[in-house]
């Protein structure tokens, strides 16, 4: 028991040392290493659909909520919402989905590409939340885990791109707006 107490005290001293914490918070190599380890751990769960679904539920929830919210705001009329996996007719697994009853040229592109808004959330967490949280190793690992979930699930799926490309007028409209914004800024 004495040995475990000594190990615990050494760990606390190491993990609260300001120099060590500064190294963790400001070292890009360690950040990339931590992200890769987290992603590898996630991919080891893919041998079981249900364990994989459990690990992916937080990100799937964020991804599908973005579809739902943007679809609701743009009158796409969301009609179903699920974050539980199911097997598609093509044989692959769908981790979650949102169905819409009123997909039109003006709401198809933003509703389908809505998860990209998670990148804005991740940016603001990085810019305004990370500097004010207490610098501890646990907080840093939780921050990296949260950002990994947010950024990974911000990427639209292949099905999302198919829906976005279904309406040529919508693609042209939002393509024009995107180019205009790039020129303006």
N, C-alpha and C. Protein backbone atom coordinates (compact mmCIF):
# COMPACT_ATOMS: atom_id res chain seq x y z
N UNK A 1 0.82 -1.19 0.00
CA UNK A 1 0.00 0.00 0.00
C UNK A 1 0.86 1.26 0.00
N UNK A 2 1.94 1.19 0.71
CA UNK A 2 2.88 2.31 0.77
C UNK A 2 3.42 2.64 -0.63
N UNK A 3 3.69 1.58 -1.40
CA UNK A 3 4.21 1.76 -2.75
C UNK A 3 3.20 2.50 -3.63
N UNK A 4 1.93 2.10 -3.57
CA UNK A 4 0.89 2.76 -4.37
C UNK A 4 0.72 4.21 -3.97
N UNK A 5 0.79 4.50 -2.70
CA UNK A 5 0.70 5.87 -2.22
C UNK A 5 1.86 6.70 -2.76
N UNK A 6 3.05 6.12 -2.77
CA UNK A 6 4.24 6.81 -3.28
C UNK A 6 4.10 7.08 -4.78
N UNK A 7 3.63 6.08 -5.53
CA UNK A 7 3.42 6.24 -6.97
C UNK A 7 2.39 7.34 -7.23
N UNK A 8 1.31 7.34 -6.47
CA UNK A 8 0.28 8.36 -6.62
C UNK A 8 0.84 9.76 -6.35
N UNK A 9 1.60 9.91 -5.29
CA UNK A 9 2.19 11.21 -4.96
C UNK A 9 3.15 11.68 -6.05
N UNK A 10 3.94 10.75 -6.58
CA UNK A 10 4.87 11.10 -7.67
C UNK A 10 4.09 11.55 -8.91
N UNK A 11 2.99 10.83 -9.21
CA UNK A 11 2.18 11.19 -10.37
C UNK A 11 1.56 12.58 -10.20
N UNK A 12 1.03 12.86 -9.03
CA UNK A 12 0.43 14.17 -8.76
C UNK A 12 1.49 15.26 -8.89
N UNK A 13 2.65 15.02 -8.34
CA UNK A 13 3.73 16.02 -8.43
C UNK A 13 4.13 16.25 -9.88
N UNK A 14 4.24 15.17 -10.65
CA UNK A 14 4.61 15.28 -12.06
C UNK A 14 3.53 15.99 -12.87
N UNK A 15 2.27 15.56 -12.68
CA UNK A 15 1.19 16.08 -13.52
C UNK A 15 0.74 17.49 -13.14
N UNK A 16 1.19 18.02 -12.02
CA UNK A 16 0.84 19.39 -11.65
C UNK A 16 2.03 20.34 -11.75
N UNK A 17 3.16 19.83 -12.17
CA UNK A 17 4.35 20.67 -12.34
C UNK A 17 4.09 21.66 -13.48
N UNK A 18 4.19 22.96 -13.25
CA UNK A 18 3.90 23.95 -14.30
C UNK A 18 4.75 23.76 -15.56
N UNK A 19 5.97 23.35 -15.41
CA UNK A 19 6.83 23.15 -16.58
C UNK A 19 6.33 21.98 -17.43
N UNK A 20 5.91 20.92 -16.78
CA UNK A 20 5.37 19.75 -17.50
C UNK A 20 4.06 20.13 -18.19
N UNK A 21 3.20 20.84 -17.47
CA UNK A 21 1.92 21.26 -18.06
C UNK A 21 2.13 22.19 -19.24
N UNK A 22 3.08 23.10 -19.13
CA UNK A 22 3.39 23.99 -20.25
C UNK A 22 3.86 23.19 -21.46
N UNK A 23 4.65 22.16 -21.21
CA UNK A 23 5.13 21.30 -22.29
C UNK A 23 3.95 20.61 -22.98
N UNK A 24 2.99 20.11 -22.20
CA UNK A 24 1.83 19.44 -22.79
C UNK A 24 0.96 20.40 -23.56
N UNK A 25 0.67 21.57 -23.00
CA UNK A 25 -0.25 22.50 -23.63
C UNK A 25 0.35 23.18 -24.87
N UNK A 26 1.65 23.21 -24.98
CA UNK A 26 2.28 23.95 -26.09
C UNK A 26 3.11 23.08 -27.01
N UNK A 27 2.93 21.78 -26.98
CA UNK A 27 3.72 20.89 -27.81
C UNK A 27 2.82 20.26 -28.87
N UNK A 28 2.99 20.66 -30.11
CA UNK A 28 2.14 20.16 -31.19
C UNK A 28 2.36 18.67 -31.44
N UNK A 29 3.60 18.21 -31.26
CA UNK A 29 3.89 16.79 -31.45
C UNK A 29 3.06 15.95 -30.49
N UNK A 30 3.05 16.32 -29.21
CA UNK A 30 2.27 15.57 -28.23
C UNK A 30 0.77 15.65 -28.52
N UNK A 31 0.31 16.79 -29.02
CA UNK A 31 -1.09 16.94 -29.39
C UNK A 31 -1.45 15.97 -30.52
N UNK A 32 -0.64 15.94 -31.56
CA UNK A 32 -0.90 15.05 -32.69
C UNK A 32 -0.84 13.59 -32.23
N UNK A 33 0.14 13.28 -31.40
CA UNK A 33 0.26 11.92 -30.87
C UNK A 33 -0.99 11.52 -30.09
N UNK A 34 -1.48 12.39 -29.25
CA UNK A 34 -2.68 12.11 -28.46
C UNK A 34 -3.89 11.91 -29.36
N UNK A 35 -4.04 12.73 -30.38
CA UNK A 35 -5.17 12.59 -31.31
C UNK A 35 -5.09 11.24 -32.03
N UNK A 36 -3.91 10.87 -32.48
CA UNK A 36 -3.76 9.59 -33.19
C UNK A 36 -4.06 8.42 -32.25
N UNK A 37 -3.60 8.50 -31.02
CA UNK A 37 -3.90 7.44 -30.05
C UNK A 37 -5.41 7.34 -29.83
N UNK A 38 -6.08 8.48 -29.67
CA UNK A 38 -7.54 8.46 -29.48
C UNK A 38 -8.26 7.86 -30.68
N UNK A 39 -7.82 8.22 -31.87
CA UNK A 39 -8.45 7.68 -33.08
C UNK A 39 -8.19 6.18 -33.19
N UNK A 40 -6.99 5.74 -32.88
CA UNK A 40 -6.68 4.30 -32.91
C UNK A 40 -7.54 3.53 -31.92
N UNK A 41 -7.70 4.07 -30.73
CA UNK A 41 -8.55 3.41 -29.74
C UNK A 41 -9.97 3.31 -30.28
N UNK A 42 -10.42 4.37 -30.92
CA UNK A 42 -11.77 4.36 -31.48
C UNK A 42 -11.90 3.29 -32.55
N UNK A 43 -10.91 3.17 -33.44
CA UNK A 43 -11.00 2.20 -34.52
C UNK A 43 -10.90 0.76 -34.04
N UNK A 44 -10.32 0.53 -32.87
CA UNK A 44 -10.28 -0.84 -32.35
C UNK A 44 -11.66 -1.32 -31.96
N UNK A 45 -12.59 -0.42 -31.78
CA UNK A 45 -13.96 -0.81 -31.43
C UNK A 45 -14.76 -1.25 -32.64
N UNK A 46 -14.25 -1.07 -33.84
CA UNK A 46 -15.02 -1.35 -35.04
C UNK A 46 -15.27 -2.83 -35.29
N UNK A 47 -14.66 -3.72 -34.52
CA UNK A 47 -14.93 -5.14 -34.70
C UNK A 47 -16.32 -5.50 -34.18
N UNK A 48 -16.88 -4.67 -33.34
CA UNK A 48 -18.23 -4.88 -32.83
C UNK A 48 -19.08 -3.66 -33.17
N UNK A 49 -20.18 -3.89 -33.87
CA UNK A 49 -21.02 -2.77 -34.28
C UNK A 49 -21.56 -2.01 -33.06
N UNK A 50 -21.94 -2.71 -32.00
CA UNK A 50 -22.55 -2.05 -30.86
C UNK A 50 -21.54 -1.29 -30.01
N UNK A 51 -20.34 -1.85 -29.84
CA UNK A 51 -19.30 -1.11 -29.11
C UNK A 51 -18.90 0.12 -29.92
N UNK A 52 -18.79 -0.05 -31.24
CA UNK A 52 -18.47 1.06 -32.12
C UNK A 52 -19.55 2.14 -32.04
N UNK A 53 -20.79 1.73 -32.03
CA UNK A 53 -21.89 2.70 -31.93
C UNK A 53 -21.82 3.45 -30.61
N UNK A 54 -21.53 2.74 -29.53
CA UNK A 54 -21.43 3.38 -28.22
C UNK A 54 -20.33 4.43 -28.20
N UNK A 55 -19.19 4.11 -28.79
CA UNK A 55 -18.06 5.05 -28.84
C UNK A 55 -18.39 6.24 -29.75
N UNK A 56 -19.16 5.99 -30.80
CA UNK A 56 -19.47 7.03 -31.77
C UNK A 56 -20.71 7.85 -31.44
N UNK A 57 -21.48 7.48 -30.45
CA UNK A 57 -22.74 8.18 -30.16
C UNK A 57 -22.54 9.67 -29.89
N UNK A 58 -21.55 10.11 -29.10
CA UNK A 58 -21.44 11.56 -28.89
C UNK A 58 -21.22 12.33 -30.19
N UNK A 59 -20.34 11.84 -31.04
CA UNK A 59 -20.09 12.53 -32.31
C UNK A 59 -21.25 12.42 -33.27
N UNK A 60 -21.88 11.25 -33.30
CA UNK A 60 -23.04 11.07 -34.16
C UNK A 60 -24.17 12.00 -33.74
N UNK A 61 -24.36 12.14 -32.44
CA UNK A 61 -25.38 13.05 -31.93
C UNK A 61 -25.11 14.48 -32.39
N UNK A 62 -23.86 14.94 -32.27
CA UNK A 62 -23.51 16.29 -32.72
C UNK A 62 -23.76 16.45 -34.22
N UNK A 63 -23.29 15.47 -35.01
CA UNK A 63 -23.42 15.51 -36.47
C UNK A 63 -24.89 15.59 -36.88
N UNK A 64 -25.70 14.70 -36.33
CA UNK A 64 -27.12 14.66 -36.71
C UNK A 64 -27.88 15.87 -36.18
N UNK A 65 -27.50 16.39 -35.01
CA UNK A 65 -28.15 17.59 -34.49
C UNK A 65 -27.94 18.78 -35.41
N UNK A 66 -26.76 18.88 -36.02
CA UNK A 66 -26.51 19.98 -36.95
C UNK A 66 -27.45 19.87 -38.16
N UNK A 67 -27.60 18.64 -38.70
CA UNK A 67 -28.55 18.44 -39.81
C UNK A 67 -29.95 18.87 -39.37
N UNK A 68 -30.35 18.40 -38.21
CA UNK A 68 -31.71 18.65 -37.72
C UNK A 68 -31.96 20.15 -37.53
N UNK A 69 -31.04 20.83 -36.86
CA UNK A 69 -31.24 22.25 -36.56
C UNK A 69 -31.29 23.09 -37.82
N UNK A 70 -30.34 22.88 -38.72
CA UNK A 70 -30.32 23.66 -39.97
C UNK A 70 -31.55 23.32 -40.81
N UNK A 71 -31.91 22.04 -40.88
CA UNK A 71 -33.12 21.66 -41.62
C UNK A 71 -34.37 22.29 -41.03
N UNK A 72 -34.43 22.37 -39.72
CA UNK A 72 -35.57 23.00 -39.06
C UNK A 72 -35.63 24.49 -39.37
N UNK A 73 -34.50 25.16 -39.29
CA UNK A 73 -34.44 26.61 -39.55
C UNK A 73 -34.78 26.92 -41.01
N UNK A 74 -34.35 26.06 -41.94
CA UNK A 74 -34.56 26.33 -43.37
C UNK A 74 -35.79 25.61 -43.95
N UNK A 75 -36.69 25.18 -43.08
CA UNK A 75 -37.96 24.59 -43.50
C UNK A 75 -37.81 23.30 -44.32
N UNK A 76 -36.81 22.49 -43.99
CA UNK A 76 -36.69 21.18 -44.64
C UNK A 76 -37.59 20.17 -43.94
N UNK A 77 -38.18 20.55 -42.83
CA UNK A 77 -39.12 19.74 -42.05
C UNK A 77 -38.56 18.38 -41.66
N UNK A 78 -37.65 18.37 -40.69
CA UNK A 78 -37.12 17.08 -40.22
C UNK A 78 -38.26 16.19 -39.72
N UNK A 79 -38.25 14.93 -40.12
CA UNK A 79 -39.35 14.04 -39.73
C UNK A 79 -38.88 12.84 -38.92
N UNK A 80 -37.61 12.53 -38.94
CA UNK A 80 -37.11 11.47 -38.05
C UNK A 80 -35.65 11.77 -37.71
N UNK A 81 -35.25 11.22 -36.58
CA UNK A 81 -33.91 11.48 -36.06
C UNK A 81 -33.47 10.23 -35.32
N UNK A 82 -32.33 9.70 -35.68
CA UNK A 82 -31.81 8.53 -34.97
C UNK A 82 -30.30 8.59 -34.88
N UNK A 83 -29.78 8.12 -33.76
CA UNK A 83 -28.33 8.01 -33.60
C UNK A 83 -27.92 6.55 -33.39
N UNK A 84 -28.87 5.66 -33.58
CA UNK A 84 -28.59 4.24 -33.41
C UNK A 84 -28.25 3.62 -34.76
N UNK A 85 -27.26 2.75 -34.78
CA UNK A 85 -26.82 2.19 -36.07
C UNK A 85 -27.86 1.24 -36.66
N UNK A 86 -27.85 1.20 -37.98
CA UNK A 86 -28.69 0.24 -38.70
C UNK A 86 -27.97 -0.14 -39.98
N UNK A 87 -28.33 -1.28 -40.50
CA UNK A 87 -27.71 -1.75 -41.73
C UNK A 87 -28.50 -1.22 -42.91
N UNK A 88 -27.80 -0.61 -43.86
CA UNK A 88 -28.47 -0.06 -45.04
C UNK A 88 -28.76 -1.19 -46.03
N UNK A 89 -29.63 -0.94 -47.00
CA UNK A 89 -29.90 -1.96 -48.03
C UNK A 89 -28.65 -2.34 -48.83
N UNK A 90 -27.68 -1.43 -48.89
CA UNK A 90 -26.44 -1.72 -49.63
C UNK A 90 -25.47 -2.58 -48.81
N UNK A 91 -25.77 -2.79 -47.52
CA UNK A 91 -24.96 -3.68 -46.70
C UNK A 91 -23.99 -3.02 -45.74
N UNK A 92 -23.87 -1.71 -45.76
CA UNK A 92 -22.98 -1.04 -44.81
C UNK A 92 -23.81 -0.47 -43.66
N UNK A 93 -23.13 -0.07 -42.60
CA UNK A 93 -23.83 0.44 -41.42
C UNK A 93 -23.94 1.95 -41.46
N UNK A 94 -25.12 2.45 -41.12
CA UNK A 94 -25.39 3.87 -41.01
C UNK A 94 -25.46 4.17 -39.51
N UNK A 95 -24.60 5.05 -39.02
CA UNK A 95 -24.52 5.31 -37.58
C UNK A 95 -25.66 6.16 -37.08
N UNK A 96 -26.22 7.02 -37.91
CA UNK A 96 -27.33 7.88 -37.52
C UNK A 96 -27.91 8.52 -38.76
N UNK A 97 -29.05 9.14 -38.62
CA UNK A 97 -29.64 9.81 -39.77
C UNK A 97 -30.74 10.77 -39.32
N UNK A 98 -31.01 11.71 -40.22
CA UNK A 98 -32.13 12.63 -40.07
C UNK A 98 -32.87 12.61 -41.39
N UNK A 99 -34.17 12.43 -41.34
CA UNK A 99 -34.99 12.46 -42.54
C UNK A 99 -35.70 13.80 -42.65
N UNK A 100 -35.94 14.22 -43.89
CA UNK A 100 -36.62 15.49 -44.14
C UNK A 100 -37.79 15.26 -45.08
N UNK A 101 -38.85 16.05 -44.91
CA UNK A 101 -40.04 15.95 -45.76
C UNK A 101 -40.09 17.04 -46.83
N UNK A 102 -39.25 18.05 -46.74
CA UNK A 102 -39.37 19.19 -47.65
C UNK A 102 -37.98 19.64 -48.14
N UNK A 103 -37.25 18.75 -48.77
CA UNK A 103 -35.92 19.11 -49.28
C UNK A 103 -36.12 19.81 -50.62
N UNK A 104 -35.61 21.05 -50.71
CA UNK A 104 -35.74 21.84 -51.93
C UNK A 104 -34.38 22.41 -52.30
N UNK A 105 -34.32 23.15 -53.40
CA UNK A 105 -33.05 23.69 -53.88
C UNK A 105 -32.41 24.64 -52.86
N UNK A 106 -33.20 25.37 -52.10
CA UNK A 106 -32.62 26.36 -51.20
C UNK A 106 -32.20 25.79 -49.85
N UNK A 107 -32.71 24.61 -49.47
CA UNK A 107 -32.32 24.06 -48.17
C UNK A 107 -31.52 22.76 -48.24
N UNK A 108 -31.39 22.16 -49.41
CA UNK A 108 -30.68 20.88 -49.53
C UNK A 108 -29.20 21.02 -49.18
N UNK A 109 -28.54 22.00 -49.78
CA UNK A 109 -27.09 22.16 -49.55
C UNK A 109 -26.78 22.51 -48.09
N UNK A 110 -27.40 23.54 -47.52
CA UNK A 110 -27.06 23.83 -46.12
C UNK A 110 -27.48 22.74 -45.15
N UNK A 111 -28.60 22.07 -45.39
CA UNK A 111 -29.02 20.99 -44.48
C UNK A 111 -28.07 19.80 -44.56
N UNK A 112 -27.62 19.49 -45.76
CA UNK A 112 -26.72 18.35 -45.95
C UNK A 112 -25.32 18.64 -45.42
N UNK A 113 -24.86 19.87 -45.58
CA UNK A 113 -23.49 20.22 -45.17
C UNK A 113 -23.45 20.88 -43.79
N UNK A 114 -24.55 20.84 -43.07
CA UNK A 114 -24.66 21.47 -41.75
C UNK A 114 -23.60 21.02 -40.74
N UNK A 115 -23.15 19.76 -40.76
CA UNK A 115 -22.12 19.38 -39.78
C UNK A 115 -20.85 20.22 -39.86
N UNK A 116 -20.60 20.87 -40.97
CA UNK A 116 -19.44 21.75 -41.07
C UNK A 116 -19.49 22.88 -40.04
N UNK A 117 -20.69 23.19 -39.54
CA UNK A 117 -20.82 24.21 -38.49
C UNK A 117 -20.11 23.78 -37.20
N UNK A 118 -19.89 22.49 -37.03
CA UNK A 118 -19.15 22.02 -35.86
C UNK A 118 -17.73 22.57 -35.85
N UNK A 119 -17.18 22.84 -37.03
CA UNK A 119 -15.83 23.42 -37.09
C UNK A 119 -15.81 24.80 -36.44
N UNK A 120 -16.87 25.55 -36.58
CA UNK A 120 -16.97 26.87 -35.93
C UNK A 120 -16.99 26.69 -34.42
N UNK A 121 -17.75 25.71 -33.95
CA UNK A 121 -17.81 25.44 -32.51
C UNK A 121 -16.43 25.03 -32.00
N UNK A 122 -15.75 24.14 -32.73
CA UNK A 122 -14.40 23.73 -32.33
C UNK A 122 -13.43 24.89 -32.31
N UNK A 123 -13.55 25.78 -33.29
CA UNK A 123 -12.68 26.95 -33.34
C UNK A 123 -12.88 27.82 -32.10
N UNK A 124 -14.13 28.09 -31.75
CA UNK A 124 -14.40 28.94 -30.59
C UNK A 124 -14.00 28.27 -29.28
N UNK A 125 -14.17 26.97 -29.18
CA UNK A 125 -13.68 26.27 -27.99
C UNK A 125 -12.17 26.43 -27.85
N UNK A 126 -11.48 26.31 -28.97
CA UNK A 126 -10.03 26.45 -28.95
C UNK A 126 -9.61 27.87 -28.62
N UNK A 127 -10.29 28.82 -29.18
CA UNK A 127 -9.90 30.22 -29.02
C UNK A 127 -10.28 30.82 -27.68
N UNK A 128 -11.47 30.47 -27.18
CA UNK A 128 -11.98 31.15 -25.99
C UNK A 128 -12.11 30.27 -24.75
N UNK A 129 -12.19 28.96 -24.91
CA UNK A 129 -12.36 28.09 -23.76
C UNK A 129 -11.03 27.53 -23.28
N UNK A 130 -10.18 27.07 -24.19
CA UNK A 130 -8.90 26.49 -23.80
C UNK A 130 -8.04 27.44 -22.97
N UNK A 131 -7.95 28.72 -23.33
CA UNK A 131 -7.10 29.61 -22.52
C UNK A 131 -7.59 29.84 -21.09
N UNK A 132 -8.88 29.62 -20.82
CA UNK A 132 -9.39 29.92 -19.49
C UNK A 132 -9.58 28.69 -18.59
N UNK A 133 -9.49 27.48 -19.16
CA UNK A 133 -9.63 26.31 -18.30
C UNK A 133 -8.36 26.13 -17.49
N UNK A 134 -8.51 25.53 -16.33
CA UNK A 134 -7.35 25.26 -15.49
C UNK A 134 -6.44 24.28 -16.22
N UNK A 135 -5.16 24.59 -16.26
CA UNK A 135 -4.23 23.74 -16.97
C UNK A 135 -3.85 22.53 -16.13
N UNK A 136 -4.53 21.43 -16.43
CA UNK A 136 -4.19 20.14 -15.82
C UNK A 136 -4.13 19.12 -16.95
N UNK A 137 -3.47 18.02 -16.71
CA UNK A 137 -3.39 16.99 -17.74
C UNK A 137 -4.76 16.41 -18.06
N UNK A 138 -5.59 16.22 -17.04
CA UNK A 138 -6.93 15.68 -17.27
C UNK A 138 -7.74 16.63 -18.14
N UNK A 139 -7.71 17.92 -17.84
CA UNK A 139 -8.43 18.91 -18.65
C UNK A 139 -7.91 18.92 -20.08
N UNK A 140 -6.61 18.79 -20.24
CA UNK A 140 -6.03 18.81 -21.58
C UNK A 140 -6.47 17.59 -22.38
N UNK A 141 -6.42 16.42 -21.76
CA UNK A 141 -6.85 15.20 -22.46
C UNK A 141 -8.33 15.29 -22.80
N UNK A 142 -9.15 15.78 -21.88
CA UNK A 142 -10.58 15.95 -22.17
C UNK A 142 -10.81 16.96 -23.29
N UNK A 143 -10.04 18.04 -23.29
CA UNK A 143 -10.14 19.04 -24.35
C UNK A 143 -9.80 18.41 -25.71
N UNK A 144 -8.70 17.67 -25.77
CA UNK A 144 -8.29 17.03 -27.02
C UNK A 144 -9.34 16.01 -27.46
N UNK A 145 -9.89 15.25 -26.52
CA UNK A 145 -10.94 14.28 -26.85
C UNK A 145 -12.16 15.00 -27.42
N UNK A 146 -12.59 16.07 -26.78
CA UNK A 146 -13.74 16.83 -27.25
C UNK A 146 -13.49 17.41 -28.64
N UNK A 147 -12.33 18.00 -28.84
CA UNK A 147 -12.02 18.58 -30.15
C UNK A 147 -11.93 17.50 -31.23
N UNK A 148 -11.38 16.35 -30.89
CA UNK A 148 -11.29 15.25 -31.85
C UNK A 148 -12.68 14.80 -32.26
N UNK A 149 -13.58 14.66 -31.29
CA UNK A 149 -14.96 14.27 -31.60
C UNK A 149 -15.63 15.32 -32.47
N UNK A 150 -15.47 16.59 -32.12
CA UNK A 150 -16.12 17.67 -32.86
C UNK A 150 -15.60 17.73 -34.30
N UNK A 151 -14.30 17.74 -34.46
CA UNK A 151 -13.73 17.91 -35.80
C UNK A 151 -13.98 16.68 -36.67
N UNK A 152 -13.82 15.49 -36.10
CA UNK A 152 -14.05 14.28 -36.89
C UNK A 152 -15.50 14.19 -37.37
N UNK A 153 -16.44 14.61 -36.55
CA UNK A 153 -17.85 14.51 -36.92
C UNK A 153 -18.36 15.73 -37.68
N UNK A 154 -17.50 16.71 -37.90
CA UNK A 154 -17.87 17.87 -38.71
C UNK A 154 -17.81 17.55 -40.20
N UNK A 155 -17.18 16.46 -40.54
CA UNK A 155 -17.04 16.10 -41.94
C UNK A 155 -18.33 15.48 -42.46
N UNK A 156 -18.92 16.05 -43.51
CA UNK A 156 -20.13 15.46 -44.08
C UNK A 156 -19.83 14.07 -44.67
N UNK A 157 -20.81 13.20 -44.60
CA UNK A 157 -20.66 11.85 -45.14
C UNK A 157 -20.89 11.85 -46.64
N UNK A 158 -20.65 10.71 -47.26
CA UNK A 158 -20.92 10.57 -48.69
C UNK A 158 -22.39 10.81 -49.00
N UNK A 159 -23.26 10.31 -48.13
CA UNK A 159 -24.71 10.52 -48.31
C UNK A 159 -25.05 12.00 -48.20
N UNK A 160 -24.35 12.71 -47.32
CA UNK A 160 -24.59 14.15 -47.18
C UNK A 160 -24.24 14.87 -48.48
N UNK A 161 -23.12 14.51 -49.08
CA UNK A 161 -22.72 15.15 -50.34
C UNK A 161 -23.69 14.80 -51.47
N UNK A 162 -24.23 13.58 -51.46
CA UNK A 162 -25.22 13.21 -52.48
C UNK A 162 -26.46 14.10 -52.38
N UNK A 163 -26.94 14.29 -51.14
CA UNK A 163 -28.12 15.14 -50.95
C UNK A 163 -27.81 16.57 -51.35
N UNK A 164 -26.63 17.06 -50.98
CA UNK A 164 -26.26 18.44 -51.32
C UNK A 164 -26.19 18.64 -52.82
N UNK A 165 -25.79 17.62 -53.56
CA UNK A 165 -25.64 17.76 -55.01
C UNK A 165 -26.88 17.44 -55.80
N UNK A 166 -27.97 17.11 -55.14
CA UNK A 166 -29.20 16.73 -55.86
C UNK A 166 -29.87 17.89 -56.58
N UNK A 167 -29.66 19.10 -56.11
CA UNK A 167 -30.34 20.26 -56.68
C UNK A 167 -29.30 21.21 -57.27
N UNK A 168 -29.17 21.19 -58.59
CA UNK A 168 -28.16 22.01 -59.26
C UNK A 168 -28.35 23.49 -58.96
N UNK A 169 -29.59 23.95 -58.91
CA UNK A 169 -29.83 25.37 -58.59
C UNK A 169 -29.29 25.72 -57.21
N UNK A 170 -29.46 24.83 -56.25
CA UNK A 170 -28.95 25.05 -54.90
C UNK A 170 -27.43 25.06 -54.87
N UNK A 171 -26.81 24.13 -55.60
CA UNK A 171 -25.34 24.08 -55.66
C UNK A 171 -24.82 25.38 -56.27
N UNK A 172 -25.45 25.83 -57.36
CA UNK A 172 -25.02 27.08 -58.00
C UNK A 172 -25.24 28.28 -57.08
N UNK A 173 -26.38 28.34 -56.42
CA UNK A 173 -26.70 29.44 -55.52
C UNK A 173 -25.66 29.53 -54.40
N UNK A 174 -25.43 28.42 -53.71
CA UNK A 174 -24.49 28.46 -52.58
C UNK A 174 -23.04 28.52 -53.04
N UNK A 175 -22.76 27.99 -54.21
CA UNK A 175 -21.41 28.15 -54.78
C UNK A 175 -21.13 29.62 -55.07
N UNK A 176 -22.12 30.31 -55.65
CA UNK A 176 -21.98 31.73 -55.93
C UNK A 176 -21.81 32.53 -54.64
N UNK A 177 -22.62 32.22 -53.63
CA UNK A 177 -22.51 32.92 -52.34
C UNK A 177 -21.14 32.68 -51.69
N UNK A 178 -20.66 31.44 -51.79
CA UNK A 178 -19.36 31.11 -51.21
C UNK A 178 -18.24 31.88 -51.90
N UNK A 179 -18.26 31.92 -53.22
CA UNK A 179 -17.25 32.66 -53.98
C UNK A 179 -17.35 34.15 -53.67
N UNK A 180 -18.57 34.68 -53.58
CA UNK A 180 -18.75 36.10 -53.25
C UNK A 180 -18.16 36.41 -51.87
N UNK A 181 -18.37 35.53 -50.90
CA UNK A 181 -17.81 35.73 -49.57
C UNK A 181 -16.29 35.69 -49.60
N UNK A 182 -15.74 34.77 -50.38
CA UNK A 182 -14.27 34.70 -50.48
C UNK A 182 -13.71 35.98 -51.09
N UNK A 183 -14.37 36.51 -52.09
CA UNK A 183 -13.90 37.75 -52.72
C UNK A 183 -14.06 38.93 -51.77
N UNK A 184 -15.18 38.96 -51.07
CA UNK A 184 -15.47 40.07 -50.16
C UNK A 184 -14.47 40.12 -49.00
N UNK A 185 -14.18 38.95 -48.42
CA UNK A 185 -13.26 38.90 -47.28
C UNK A 185 -11.87 38.70 -47.79
